[in-house]
Amino acid sequence: MKKKELFFIPFVTLVTLMSLGACADEESEFIIFRDHENMSEISRDYLLNCLDDRGIEFKLDSQKNILIQKRDNDMAVASCS
């Protein structure tokens, strides 16, 4: 019985840490913040400067959509919309 108890706690800890790691990956996933069809070149430049000033990491995809990490969405909406 003692051997089972000795392996149970590390096993549960490992499973918990792995599931937390999976959640962290979902939060760092890039999502579309602004679609290229709804922006002029001037508004895109303004938005990119705003995101850069706030320290929010962004990317432009091949269609010039602005992508940000999912965890930064609330901050970006509050300060750059």
N, C-alpha and C. Protein backbone atom coordinates (compact mmCIF):
# COMPACT_ATOMS: atom_id res chain seq x y z
N MET A 1 0.81 -1.19 0.00
CA MET A 1 0.00 0.00 0.00
C MET A 1 0.86 1.26 0.00
N LYS A 2 1.98 1.24 0.69
CA LYS A 2 2.86 2.40 0.78
C LYS A 2 3.44 2.76 -0.59
N LYS A 3 3.77 1.74 -1.41
CA LYS A 3 4.35 2.01 -2.72
C LYS A 3 3.36 2.76 -3.61
N LYS A 4 2.10 2.39 -3.55
CA LYS A 4 1.09 3.07 -4.34
C LYS A 4 0.98 4.53 -3.93
N GLU A 5 1.03 4.79 -2.65
CA GLU A 5 0.93 6.16 -2.16
C GLU A 5 2.16 6.97 -2.57
N LEU A 6 3.32 6.35 -2.59
CA LEU A 6 4.54 7.05 -2.98
C LEU A 6 4.52 7.47 -4.44
N PHE A 7 3.88 6.70 -5.30
CA PHE A 7 3.81 7.04 -6.72
C PHE A 7 2.62 7.91 -7.06
N PHE A 8 1.62 7.94 -6.24
CA PHE A 8 0.40 8.68 -6.53
C PHE A 8 0.65 10.20 -6.52
N ILE A 9 1.29 10.71 -5.50
CA ILE A 9 1.50 12.16 -5.37
C ILE A 9 2.37 12.71 -6.51
N PRO A 10 3.51 12.11 -6.85
CA PRO A 10 4.27 12.63 -7.99
C PRO A 10 3.51 12.52 -9.31
N PHE A 11 2.73 11.47 -9.46
CA PHE A 11 1.95 11.30 -10.68
C PHE A 11 0.91 12.41 -10.81
N VAL A 12 0.18 12.68 -9.76
CA VAL A 12 -0.83 13.75 -9.78
C VAL A 12 -0.17 15.10 -10.02
N THR A 13 0.97 15.34 -9.41
CA THR A 13 1.70 16.59 -9.60
C THR A 13 2.13 16.73 -11.06
N LEU A 14 2.64 15.68 -11.65
CA LEU A 14 3.07 15.71 -13.04
C LEU A 14 1.90 16.00 -13.97
N VAL A 15 0.78 15.34 -13.76
CA VAL A 15 -0.39 15.56 -14.60
C VAL A 15 -0.88 17.00 -14.47
N THR A 16 -0.89 17.54 -13.27
CA THR A 16 -1.31 18.92 -13.05
C THR A 16 -0.40 19.90 -13.76
N LEU A 17 0.90 19.70 -13.65
CA LEU A 17 1.85 20.60 -14.32
C LEU A 17 1.73 20.52 -15.83
N MET A 18 1.49 19.35 -16.36
CA MET A 18 1.33 19.20 -17.81
C MET A 18 0.07 19.90 -18.29
N SER A 19 -1.01 19.82 -17.53
CA SER A 19 -2.24 20.49 -17.95
C SER A 19 -2.10 22.01 -17.85
N LEU A 20 -1.37 22.50 -16.86
CA LEU A 20 -1.12 23.93 -16.75
C LEU A 20 -0.25 24.42 -17.92
N GLY A 21 0.68 23.62 -18.33
CA GLY A 21 1.51 23.96 -19.48
C GLY A 21 0.69 24.05 -20.76
N ALA A 22 -0.28 23.17 -20.91
CA ALA A 22 -1.15 23.20 -22.09
C ALA A 22 -2.00 24.47 -22.09
N CYS A 23 -2.47 24.90 -20.94
CA CYS A 23 -3.25 26.13 -20.85
C CYS A 23 -2.40 27.34 -21.19
N ALA A 24 -1.15 27.34 -20.79
CA ALA A 24 -0.26 28.46 -21.09
C ALA A 24 -0.02 28.56 -22.59
N ASP A 25 0.05 27.44 -23.28
CA ASP A 25 0.23 27.47 -24.73
C ASP A 25 -0.98 28.09 -25.42
N GLU A 26 -2.19 27.83 -24.92
CA GLU A 26 -3.38 28.42 -25.51
C GLU A 26 -3.39 29.93 -25.35
N GLU A 27 -2.90 30.44 -24.24
CA GLU A 27 -2.88 31.87 -24.00
C GLU A 27 -1.85 32.59 -24.87
N SER A 28 -0.80 31.90 -25.28
CA SER A 28 0.22 32.53 -26.10
C SER A 28 -0.07 32.35 -27.59
N GLU A 29 -1.19 31.75 -27.91
CA GLU A 29 -1.61 31.57 -29.29
C GLU A 29 -1.96 32.93 -29.90
N PHE A 30 -1.56 33.16 -31.14
CA PHE A 30 -1.87 34.42 -31.81
C PHE A 30 -3.25 34.37 -32.42
N ILE A 31 -4.00 35.46 -32.23
CA ILE A 31 -5.35 35.60 -32.78
C ILE A 31 -5.42 36.89 -33.59
N ILE A 32 -6.40 36.99 -34.46
CA ILE A 32 -6.56 38.21 -35.25
C ILE A 32 -7.15 39.29 -34.36
N PHE A 33 -6.42 40.40 -34.25
CA PHE A 33 -6.89 41.55 -33.48
C PHE A 33 -7.67 42.50 -34.38
N ARG A 34 -7.15 42.79 -35.54
CA ARG A 34 -7.85 43.62 -36.52
C ARG A 34 -7.69 43.00 -37.91
N ASP A 35 -8.80 42.96 -38.61
CA ASP A 35 -8.85 42.42 -39.95
C ASP A 35 -8.41 43.50 -40.95
N HIS A 36 -7.69 43.10 -41.97
CA HIS A 36 -7.16 44.07 -42.94
C HIS A 36 -8.26 44.76 -43.74
N GLU A 37 -9.42 44.12 -43.89
CA GLU A 37 -10.50 44.70 -44.68
C GLU A 37 -11.15 45.90 -44.01
N ASN A 38 -11.02 46.00 -42.69
CA ASN A 38 -11.69 47.06 -41.94
C ASN A 38 -10.77 48.23 -41.58
N MET A 39 -9.56 48.27 -42.17
CA MET A 39 -8.60 49.31 -41.78
C MET A 39 -7.98 49.97 -43.00
N SER A 40 -7.76 51.26 -42.85
CA SER A 40 -6.96 51.97 -43.84
C SER A 40 -5.50 51.86 -43.44
N GLU A 41 -4.62 52.30 -44.31
CA GLU A 41 -3.19 52.25 -44.03
C GLU A 41 -2.84 53.14 -42.83
N ILE A 42 -3.49 54.27 -42.71
CA ILE A 42 -3.23 55.21 -41.61
C ILE A 42 -3.66 54.59 -40.28
N SER A 43 -4.86 53.99 -40.25
CA SER A 43 -5.31 53.38 -38.99
C SER A 43 -4.46 52.18 -38.62
N ARG A 44 -3.96 51.44 -39.59
CA ARG A 44 -3.08 50.30 -39.31
C ARG A 44 -1.79 50.80 -38.66
N ASP A 45 -1.21 51.88 -39.22
CA ASP A 45 0.02 52.43 -38.66
C ASP A 45 -0.20 52.94 -37.23
N TYR A 46 -1.32 53.62 -37.01
CA TYR A 46 -1.64 54.11 -35.67
C TYR A 46 -1.77 52.95 -34.68
N LEU A 47 -2.48 51.91 -35.08
CA LEU A 47 -2.69 50.76 -34.21
C LEU A 47 -1.38 50.03 -33.91
N LEU A 48 -0.54 49.89 -34.91
CA LEU A 48 0.75 49.23 -34.69
C LEU A 48 1.62 50.05 -33.74
N ASN A 49 1.60 51.37 -33.88
CA ASN A 49 2.35 52.23 -32.94
C ASN A 49 1.80 52.12 -31.54
N CYS A 50 0.48 52.07 -31.40
CA CYS A 50 -0.14 51.94 -30.08
C CYS A 50 0.25 50.61 -29.42
N LEU A 51 0.17 49.53 -30.17
CA LEU A 51 0.54 48.22 -29.63
C LEU A 51 2.01 48.19 -29.23
N ASP A 52 2.85 48.79 -30.06
CA ASP A 52 4.28 48.83 -29.76
C ASP A 52 4.56 49.67 -28.51
N ASP A 53 3.88 50.81 -28.37
CA ASP A 53 4.05 51.66 -27.19
C ASP A 53 3.64 50.94 -25.91
N ARG A 54 2.63 50.09 -25.98
CA ARG A 54 2.13 49.37 -24.81
C ARG A 54 2.92 48.09 -24.53
N GLY A 55 3.86 47.76 -25.41
CA GLY A 55 4.67 46.56 -25.22
C GLY A 55 3.94 45.28 -25.57
N ILE A 56 2.92 45.38 -26.41
CA ILE A 56 2.14 44.21 -26.82
C ILE A 56 2.77 43.64 -28.08
N GLU A 57 3.13 42.35 -28.02
CA GLU A 57 3.75 41.69 -29.16
C GLU A 57 2.70 41.48 -30.24
N PHE A 58 3.05 41.80 -31.48
CA PHE A 58 2.11 41.63 -32.59
C PHE A 58 2.85 41.09 -33.81
N LYS A 59 2.07 40.58 -34.74
CA LYS A 59 2.58 40.11 -36.03
C LYS A 59 1.62 40.57 -37.11
N LEU A 60 2.12 40.67 -38.31
CA LEU A 60 1.28 40.90 -39.48
C LEU A 60 1.32 39.62 -40.31
N ASP A 61 0.17 39.11 -40.69
CA ASP A 61 0.17 37.92 -41.53
C ASP A 61 0.27 38.32 -43.00
N SER A 62 0.17 37.38 -43.89
CA SER A 62 0.36 37.64 -45.33
C SER A 62 -0.72 38.56 -45.90
N GLN A 63 -1.88 38.64 -45.25
CA GLN A 63 -2.96 39.52 -45.73
C GLN A 63 -2.97 40.86 -44.99
N LYS A 64 -1.95 41.11 -44.16
CA LYS A 64 -1.80 42.32 -43.36
C LYS A 64 -2.83 42.42 -42.23
N ASN A 65 -3.33 41.28 -41.75
CA ASN A 65 -4.13 41.26 -40.53
C ASN A 65 -3.17 41.44 -39.36
N ILE A 66 -3.62 42.13 -38.32
CA ILE A 66 -2.79 42.31 -37.13
C ILE A 66 -3.12 41.19 -36.16
N LEU A 67 -2.10 40.43 -35.77
CA LEU A 67 -2.26 39.31 -34.86
C LEU A 67 -1.59 39.65 -33.54
N ILE A 68 -2.28 39.34 -32.44
CA ILE A 68 -1.71 39.52 -31.10
C ILE A 68 -1.92 38.22 -30.33
N GLN A 69 -1.20 38.10 -29.22
CA GLN A 69 -1.38 36.92 -28.39
C GLN A 69 -2.71 37.02 -27.65
N LYS A 70 -3.34 35.89 -27.48
CA LYS A 70 -4.66 35.83 -26.85
C LYS A 70 -4.66 36.46 -25.46
N ARG A 71 -3.59 36.28 -24.70
CA ARG A 71 -3.53 36.83 -23.34
C ARG A 71 -3.48 38.35 -23.33
N ASP A 72 -3.06 38.99 -24.43
CA ASP A 72 -2.95 40.44 -24.51
C ASP A 72 -4.21 41.11 -25.09
N ASN A 73 -5.20 40.34 -25.43
CA ASN A 73 -6.37 40.88 -26.09
C ASN A 73 -7.08 41.94 -25.24
N ASP A 74 -7.31 41.69 -23.97
CA ASP A 74 -8.03 42.64 -23.13
C ASP A 74 -7.27 43.97 -23.04
N MET A 75 -5.96 43.91 -22.86
CA MET A 75 -5.17 45.12 -22.75
C MET A 75 -5.19 45.90 -24.07
N ALA A 76 -5.08 45.19 -25.18
CA ALA A 76 -5.07 45.84 -26.49
C ALA A 76 -6.41 46.51 -26.78
N VAL A 77 -7.49 45.86 -26.45
CA VAL A 77 -8.81 46.44 -26.67
C VAL A 77 -9.02 47.68 -25.80
N ALA A 78 -8.58 47.60 -24.55
CA ALA A 78 -8.78 48.72 -23.63
C ALA A 78 -7.92 49.93 -23.99
N SER A 79 -6.74 49.72 -24.50
CA SER A 79 -5.85 50.87 -24.69
C SER A 79 -5.66 51.28 -26.16
N CYS A 80 -6.01 50.45 -27.10
CA CYS A 80 -5.72 50.76 -28.50
C CYS A 80 -6.95 50.71 -29.42
N SER A 81 -8.11 50.63 -28.89
CA SER A 81 -9.30 50.57 -29.74
C SER A 81 -10.00 51.89 -29.82
